[in-house]
Amino acid sequence: MRKSARYSTLAAAGLLALSSLTACANDAAGTPATGSGKGTKVKIMVGGLDKVIYLPAMLTQRLGYFDAEGLNVELLTEPAGVQAETALVAGQVQGTVGFYDHTLDLQTKGKAVESVVQFSRAPGEVEVVSTKAAGDITSPKDFKGKKLGITSLGSSTDFLTKYLAVKNGVKVSDFSPVAVGAGATFISALQQGSIDGGMTTDPTVATILDKKAGKVLVDMRTPEGSQEALGGPYPSSSLYMQTDWVNGHKDTVQKMVNAFVKTLKWMSTHSAAEIAAKMPADYAQGDKALYTQSIESTLPMFTKDGVMPENGPETVEKVLKAFNTNIQNADVDLGKTYTTEFVEAAK
């Protein structure tokens, strides 16, 4: 219980006013991944650079596509998408690689933010349960009374966990969300019983299964998995930016989108092993085969052209409306949460 309280406290610290800069953001700024140092400077905050769902960010850097477009891109990293969102709204960075659903949530708070290139058509998330709790949790209907891990409060893992609960007849007040991050902290919480289950992505999922620390309950790494769990395509990882900045820097945004679309096309014609070979060696954490497997499991979620999947925004709105009172009481203009202008030009 002490660990749960500590994780919750950390999560609360991450929910400072949007005008504040988080301590984590300052830490991230000290260890950027930069390009050649030439060209137009752009800072992008990623909700976890080593997460496979956000792989296109670092891969684009490694393939040299930013440099080819005349961009000097600095990639920063945050452990959770909601903190990456905060860095964007605070003006610390020009773009965020994170979940598209934040654009809807921010619109209800008076912030105009839009996705300019869509990396995915499924969440890439997996709800896992600990080996010990697997007998008690056989579906989201069993979430009542359980401690469920998320990256942080207000994150997309928080959103999706709440939706799975509500969809299956469990009130959001009936279970305890616990902010445990991803990677080693998530796995440790699962093994030590601080959480009974939780939502995470690869390579954390692959490591959990390899360690036999847990089992898959709901798999949303494919369009089919998204359809079954959420009722449609769920555009998740994307590059989103403040609308005013986009309108004032269209040439730079176009170059960014050109680079990412090239990467998505490259990914669609190369194997998981070839992709893994391009990534920083430490991302594999000493097990290249397991890392390659985690990429293989997640690859189906990615788009090939960066275009927003048809009916994707509507699915996201439906999911958020199920539990988010801000969305329920607002008239969200979905057309202002994304643009296809730049991906159409990139094609």
Protein backbone atom coordinates (compact mmCIF):
# COMPACT_ATOMS: atom_id res chain seq x y z
CA MET A 1 0.00 0.00 0.00
CA ARG A 2 2.92 2.36 0.70
CA LYS A 3 4.13 1.86 -2.87
CA SER A 4 0.65 2.57 -4.25
CA ALA A 5 0.47 5.77 -2.27
CA ARG A 6 3.90 6.82 -3.47
CA TYR A 7 3.01 6.22 -7.11
CA SER A 8 -0.24 8.14 -6.70
CA THR A 9 1.65 11.04 -5.16
CA LEU A 10 4.04 11.09 -8.09
CA ALA A 11 1.09 11.12 -10.47
CA ALA A 12 -0.48 14.04 -8.64
CA ALA A 13 2.78 15.95 -8.97
CA GLY A 14 2.57 15.47 -12.71
CA LEU A 15 -0.83 17.17 -12.82
CA LEU A 16 0.38 20.69 -12.19
CA ALA A 17 -1.30 23.55 -14.03
CA LEU A 18 -0.73 23.44 -17.77
CA SER A 19 1.31 26.62 -17.54
CA SER A 20 3.86 24.90 -15.29
CA LEU A 21 6.93 23.01 -16.38
CA THR A 22 7.23 19.62 -14.76
CA ALA A 23 10.35 18.36 -13.06
CA CYS A 24 10.32 15.39 -15.39
CA ALA A 25 10.36 17.72 -18.37
CA ASN A 26 13.45 19.41 -17.00
CA ASP A 27 15.11 16.04 -16.55
CA ALA A 28 14.19 15.07 -20.10
CA ALA A 29 15.60 18.29 -21.49
CA GLY A 30 19.00 17.30 -20.16
CA THR A 31 19.20 14.18 -22.31
CA PRO A 32 17.95 15.10 -25.78
CA ALA A 33 18.39 13.08 -28.95
CA THR A 34 19.50 15.52 -31.61
CA GLY A 35 20.11 15.48 -35.34
CA SER A 36 22.98 16.99 -37.30
CA GLY A 37 22.68 20.41 -35.69
CA LYS A 38 21.93 22.03 -39.04
CA GLY A 39 18.64 23.39 -40.35
CA THR A 40 15.47 24.69 -38.73
CA LYS A 41 15.39 23.86 -35.02
CA VAL A 42 12.32 22.02 -33.71
CA LYS A 43 11.83 20.48 -30.27
CA ILE A 44 9.52 17.49 -29.91
CA MET A 45 8.48 15.91 -26.63
CA VAL A 46 7.77 12.18 -26.83
CA GLY A 47 5.65 10.32 -24.29
CA GLY A 48 8.37 7.68 -23.90
CA LEU A 49 11.02 7.53 -26.63
CA ASP A 50 11.73 3.84 -26.05
CA LYS A 51 8.06 2.80 -26.32
CA VAL A 52 7.35 0.90 -29.54
CA ILE A 53 4.10 2.84 -30.07
CA TYR A 54 6.21 6.00 -30.49
CA LEU A 55 8.96 4.29 -32.47
CA PRO A 56 8.58 6.52 -35.59
CA ALA A 57 10.04 9.49 -33.69
CA MET A 58 13.48 8.02 -33.07
CA LEU A 59 13.42 5.94 -36.26
CA THR A 60 12.93 9.07 -38.36
CA GLN A 61 15.97 10.56 -36.65
CA ARG A 62 18.03 7.41 -37.22
CA LEU A 63 17.04 7.15 -40.88
CA GLY A 64 18.21 10.71 -41.47
CA TYR A 65 14.86 11.92 -42.78
CA PHE A 66 14.77 15.01 -40.55
CA ASP A 67 18.19 16.06 -41.81
CA ALA A 68 17.11 15.40 -45.40
CA GLU A 69 14.23 17.86 -44.92
CA GLY A 70 16.55 20.53 -43.56
CA LEU A 71 15.40 20.13 -39.96
CA ASN A 72 17.40 20.05 -36.74
CA VAL A 73 15.03 18.07 -34.52
CA GLU A 74 15.65 17.65 -30.82
CA LEU A 75 13.74 14.72 -29.33
CA LEU A 76 12.96 14.92 -25.63
CA THR A 77 11.27 12.21 -23.59
CA GLU A 78 8.63 12.04 -20.88
CA PRO A 79 7.40 8.86 -19.17
CA ALA A 80 3.73 9.65 -19.85
CA GLY A 81 1.74 11.30 -22.61
CA VAL A 82 -0.06 13.70 -20.29
CA GLN A 83 3.28 15.16 -19.20
CA ALA A 84 4.39 15.47 -22.83
CA GLU A 85 1.11 17.31 -23.47
CA THR A 86 1.87 19.70 -20.62
CA ALA A 87 5.27 20.54 -22.12
CA LEU A 88 3.59 21.44 -25.42
CA VAL A 89 0.89 23.67 -23.94
CA ALA A 90 3.48 25.35 -21.71
CA GLY A 91 5.42 26.29 -24.85
CA GLN A 92 8.52 24.28 -23.95
CA VAL A 93 8.37 22.36 -27.23
CA GLN A 94 6.86 22.86 -30.68
CA GLY A 95 5.37 19.39 -31.02
CA THR A 96 4.40 16.30 -29.05
CA VAL A 97 4.46 12.69 -30.12
CA GLY A 98 1.61 11.27 -28.09
CA PHE A 99 -1.97 10.05 -28.24
CA TYR A 100 -4.44 11.87 -30.48
CA ASP A 101 -7.12 11.71 -27.74
CA HIS A 102 -5.37 14.55 -25.90
CA THR A 103 -6.43 16.96 -28.67
CA LEU A 104 -10.09 16.41 -27.78
CA ASP A 105 -9.47 16.72 -24.05
CA LEU A 106 -7.50 19.93 -24.55
CA GLN A 107 -10.18 21.47 -26.76
CA THR A 108 -12.64 21.27 -23.85
CA LYS A 109 -10.08 23.23 -21.81
CA GLY A 110 -9.86 25.99 -24.40
CA LYS A 111 -6.61 24.80 -25.99
CA ALA A 112 -6.46 24.53 -29.80
CA VAL A 113 -4.21 21.56 -30.61
CA GLU A 114 -4.27 19.34 -33.70
CA SER A 115 -2.71 16.14 -35.00
CA VAL A 116 -0.75 16.85 -38.18
CA VAL A 117 0.31 13.27 -38.95
CA GLN A 118 -1.28 10.10 -37.59
CA PHE A 119 1.12 7.23 -36.86
CA SER A 120 -1.44 4.65 -35.82
CA ARG A 121 -4.95 3.25 -36.18
CA ALA A 122 -5.02 1.26 -32.91
CA PRO A 123 -3.94 2.09 -29.36
CA GLY A 124 -1.02 -0.35 -29.23
CA GLU A 125 -1.93 -0.82 -25.56
CA VAL A 126 -2.36 -4.08 -23.68
CA GLU A 127 -4.24 -4.69 -20.43
CA VAL A 128 -2.24 -7.28 -18.54
CA VAL A 129 -2.98 -9.02 -15.24
CA SER A 130 -0.44 -10.38 -12.81
CA THR A 131 0.05 -14.12 -12.77
CA LYS A 132 -1.24 -14.14 -9.18
CA ALA A 133 -4.43 -12.22 -10.05
CA ALA A 134 -5.11 -13.96 -13.37
CA GLY A 135 -7.67 -16.30 -11.79
CA ASP A 136 -9.66 -13.40 -10.35
CA ILE A 137 -9.54 -11.11 -13.38
CA THR A 138 -10.74 -12.85 -16.53
CA SER A 139 -12.28 -9.78 -18.20
CA PRO A 140 -12.74 -6.05 -17.49
CA LYS A 141 -15.97 -7.05 -15.70
CA ASP A 142 -13.72 -8.12 -12.84
CA PHE A 143 -12.04 -4.71 -12.37
CA LYS A 144 -14.19 -3.87 -9.34
CA GLY A 145 -12.08 -3.55 -6.21
CA LYS A 146 -8.82 -4.00 -8.10
CA LYS A 147 -5.68 -1.85 -8.31
CA LEU A 148 -4.92 -1.17 -11.96
CA GLY A 149 -1.68 0.33 -13.20
CA ILE A 150 -1.54 3.29 -15.59
CA THR A 151 1.33 5.50 -16.66
CA SER A 152 -0.12 8.56 -14.90
CA LEU A 153 -3.45 10.11 -14.02
CA GLY A 154 -4.98 11.83 -17.05
CA SER A 155 -2.91 9.75 -19.46
CA SER A 156 -4.30 7.75 -22.36
CA THR A 157 -3.80 4.54 -20.38
CA ASP A 158 -6.01 6.13 -17.72
CA PHE A 159 -8.63 7.03 -20.37
CA LEU A 160 -8.67 3.56 -21.93
CA THR A 161 -8.74 1.72 -18.60
CA LYS A 162 -11.77 3.75 -17.52
CA TYR A 163 -13.52 3.03 -20.81
CA LEU A 164 -12.94 -0.73 -20.55
CA ALA A 165 -14.37 -0.61 -17.04
CA VAL A 166 -17.47 1.43 -17.92
CA LYS A 167 -18.13 -0.58 -21.07
CA ASN A 168 -18.18 -3.72 -18.94
CA GLY A 169 -20.46 -2.39 -16.20
CA VAL A 170 -17.82 -1.24 -13.69
CA LYS A 171 -17.93 2.34 -12.40
CA VAL A 172 -14.70 4.33 -12.47
CA SER A 173 -15.10 4.76 -8.71
CA ASP A 174 -15.15 0.99 -8.22
CA PHE A 175 -11.44 0.40 -8.93
CA SER A 176 -8.19 2.14 -8.03
CA PRO A 177 -5.96 3.55 -10.79
CA VAL A 178 -2.31 3.53 -9.70
CA ALA A 179 0.31 5.59 -11.52
CA VAL A 180 3.30 3.31 -12.05
CA GLY A 181 4.81 4.58 -15.29
CA ALA A 182 6.08 2.00 -17.77
CA GLY A 183 9.01 -0.34 -18.16
CA ALA A 184 10.79 -1.43 -14.99
CA THR A 185 8.51 0.48 -12.60
CA PHE A 186 5.39 -1.08 -14.10
CA ILE A 187 6.87 -4.58 -14.01
CA SER A 188 8.07 -4.15 -10.42
CA ALA A 189 4.61 -2.98 -9.30
CA LEU A 190 3.04 -6.01 -11.00
CA GLN A 191 5.48 -8.47 -9.43
CA GLN A 192 5.26 -6.97 -5.95
CA GLY A 193 1.47 -6.84 -5.90
CA SER A 194 1.21 -3.05 -5.84
CA ILE A 195 -1.15 -3.52 -8.79
CA ASP A 196 -3.31 -6.48 -9.84
CA GLY A 197 -3.03 -5.58 -13.50
CA GLY A 198 -2.59 -2.59 -15.72
CA MET A 199 -2.26 -1.06 -19.15
CA THR A 200 1.08 -0.79 -20.90
CA THR A 201 2.82 -1.16 -24.25
CA ASP A 202 5.75 -2.95 -25.80
CA PRO A 203 8.53 -3.56 -24.99
CA THR A 204 7.12 -3.74 -21.44
CA VAL A 205 4.47 -6.28 -22.52
CA ALA A 206 7.06 -8.58 -24.11
CA THR A 207 9.20 -8.44 -20.97
CA ILE A 208 6.24 -9.24 -18.69
CA LEU A 209 5.35 -12.29 -20.76
CA ASP A 210 8.98 -13.39 -20.94
CA LYS A 211 9.32 -13.15 -17.15
CA LYS A 212 5.96 -14.90 -16.73
CA ALA A 213 5.00 -12.00 -14.47
CA GLY A 214 1.59 -11.60 -16.07
CA LYS A 215 -0.85 -12.50 -18.83
CA VAL A 216 -2.61 -10.59 -21.58
CA LEU A 217 -6.23 -9.71 -20.80
CA VAL A 218 -7.08 -7.23 -23.60
CA ASP A 219 -4.82 -6.80 -26.63
CA MET A 220 -5.24 -3.56 -28.59
CA ARG A 221 -2.07 -3.72 -30.68
CA THR A 222 -3.94 -4.44 -33.90
CA PRO A 223 -6.89 -2.85 -35.73
CA GLU A 224 -8.85 -6.03 -35.02
CA GLY A 225 -8.07 -5.78 -31.31
CA SER A 226 -9.11 -2.13 -31.32
CA GLN A 227 -12.38 -2.99 -33.06
CA GLU A 228 -13.20 -5.69 -30.52
CA ALA A 229 -12.32 -3.67 -27.43
CA LEU A 230 -13.34 -0.18 -28.49
CA GLY A 231 -15.80 -0.63 -31.35
CA GLY A 232 -13.69 0.89 -34.12
CA PRO A 233 -10.28 2.20 -35.16
CA TYR A 234 -8.61 4.18 -32.39
CA PRO A 235 -6.03 6.62 -33.74
CA SER A 236 -3.44 6.94 -31.01
CA SER A 237 0.21 7.88 -31.53
CA SER A 238 0.59 11.01 -33.59
CA LEU A 239 2.48 14.26 -33.91
CA TYR A 240 0.25 16.98 -32.51
CA MET A 241 0.99 20.68 -32.26
CA GLN A 242 -0.68 23.91 -31.20
CA THR A 243 -2.89 25.11 -34.04
CA ASP A 244 -1.58 28.68 -33.93
CA TRP A 245 1.99 27.41 -34.29
CA VAL A 246 1.00 25.16 -37.19
CA ASN A 247 -0.67 28.03 -39.03
CA GLY A 248 2.34 30.25 -38.50
CA HIS A 249 4.97 27.69 -39.53
CA LYS A 250 3.41 25.68 -42.35
CA ASP A 251 6.67 25.16 -44.21
CA THR A 252 8.35 23.65 -41.15
CA VAL A 253 5.31 21.51 -40.34
CA GLN A 254 5.25 20.20 -43.92
CA LYS A 255 8.89 19.19 -43.64
CA MET A 256 8.16 17.40 -40.36
CA VAL A 257 5.25 15.52 -41.88
CA ASN A 258 7.26 14.65 -45.01
CA ALA A 259 9.90 13.04 -42.82
CA PHE A 260 7.40 11.05 -40.75
CA VAL A 261 5.46 9.84 -43.80
CA LYS A 262 8.73 8.59 -45.32
CA THR A 263 9.37 6.67 -42.12
CA LEU A 264 5.91 5.10 -42.04
CA LYS A 265 6.34 3.97 -45.64
CA TRP A 266 9.78 2.59 -44.82
CA MET A 267 8.36 0.67 -41.84
CA SER A 268 5.66 -0.89 -44.04
CA THR A 269 8.30 -2.43 -46.33
CA HIS A 270 10.82 -3.62 -43.74
CA SER A 271 10.80 -6.39 -41.16
CA ALA A 272 10.75 -6.00 -37.41
CA ALA A 273 14.36 -7.17 -37.30
CA GLU A 274 15.40 -4.51 -39.81
CA ILE A 275 13.57 -1.85 -37.82
CA ALA A 276 15.14 -3.02 -34.55
CA ALA A 277 18.59 -2.83 -36.14
CA LYS A 278 18.08 0.89 -36.81
CA MET A 279 17.11 1.75 -33.23
CA PRO A 280 19.54 2.67 -30.41
CA ALA A 281 21.14 -0.49 -29.01
CA ASP A 282 20.07 0.25 -25.43
CA TYR A 283 16.40 0.11 -26.41
CA ALA A 284 16.74 -3.68 -26.56
CA GLN A 285 17.89 -3.78 -22.91
CA GLY A 286 20.28 -6.60 -23.66
CA ASP A 287 17.74 -8.83 -25.42
CA LYS A 288 17.58 -7.98 -29.11
CA ALA A 289 15.36 -10.97 -29.94
CA LEU A 290 12.77 -9.93 -27.37
CA TYR A 291 12.88 -6.32 -28.57
CA THR A 292 12.40 -7.46 -32.16
CA GLN A 293 9.43 -9.56 -31.04
CA SER A 294 7.87 -6.53 -29.33
CA ILE A 295 8.15 -4.54 -32.57
CA GLU A 296 6.64 -7.42 -34.54
CA SER A 297 3.64 -7.55 -32.18
CA THR A 298 3.01 -3.81 -32.45
CA LEU A 299 3.67 -3.19 -36.17
CA PRO A 300 0.03 -3.80 -37.25
CA MET A 301 -1.08 -0.63 -35.42
CA PHE A 302 0.84 1.74 -37.69
CA THR A 303 -0.53 3.55 -40.72
CA LYS A 304 1.43 3.47 -43.97
CA ASP A 305 0.74 7.05 -44.99
CA GLY A 306 0.07 9.14 -41.87
CA VAL A 307 -3.59 9.67 -42.77
CA MET A 308 -6.24 9.76 -40.04
CA PRO A 309 -8.20 6.48 -40.24
CA GLU A 310 -11.82 6.82 -41.31
CA ASN A 311 -14.19 7.05 -38.32
CA GLY A 312 -11.19 7.15 -35.98
CA PRO A 313 -11.98 10.53 -34.38
CA GLU A 314 -15.58 9.43 -33.80
CA THR A 315 -14.40 6.29 -31.98
CA VAL A 316 -12.10 8.33 -29.77
CA GLU A 317 -14.92 10.76 -28.93
CA LYS A 318 -17.25 7.87 -28.08
CA VAL A 319 -14.66 6.34 -25.77
CA LEU A 320 -13.98 9.60 -23.96
CA LYS A 321 -17.67 10.47 -23.63
CA ALA A 322 -18.24 7.22 -21.73
CA PHE A 323 -16.49 8.56 -18.62
CA ASN A 324 -15.04 12.05 -19.23
CA THR A 325 -17.50 14.66 -17.96
CA ASN A 326 -15.63 17.44 -19.78
CA ILE A 327 -16.24 15.69 -23.11
CA GLN A 328 -19.79 14.70 -22.16
CA ASN A 329 -20.75 18.31 -21.52
CA ALA A 330 -18.90 19.80 -24.48
CA ASP A 331 -19.61 20.11 -28.18
CA VAL A 332 -16.26 18.93 -29.54
CA ASP A 333 -15.40 20.05 -33.07
CA LEU A 334 -13.56 16.98 -34.31
CA GLY A 335 -12.55 18.76 -37.51
CA LYS A 336 -10.33 21.04 -35.46
CA THR A 337 -8.52 18.19 -33.68
CA TYR A 338 -6.60 17.03 -36.74
CA THR A 339 -5.65 18.09 -40.25
CA THR A 340 -4.86 16.05 -43.36
CA GLU A 341 -3.44 19.06 -45.22
CA PHE A 342 0.19 18.08 -44.71
CA VAL A 343 -0.07 14.30 -45.21
CA GLU A 344 -1.98 14.87 -48.45
CA ALA A 345 0.82 17.13 -49.68
CA ALA A 346 3.43 14.62 -48.54
CA LYS A 347 1.85 11.92 -50.71
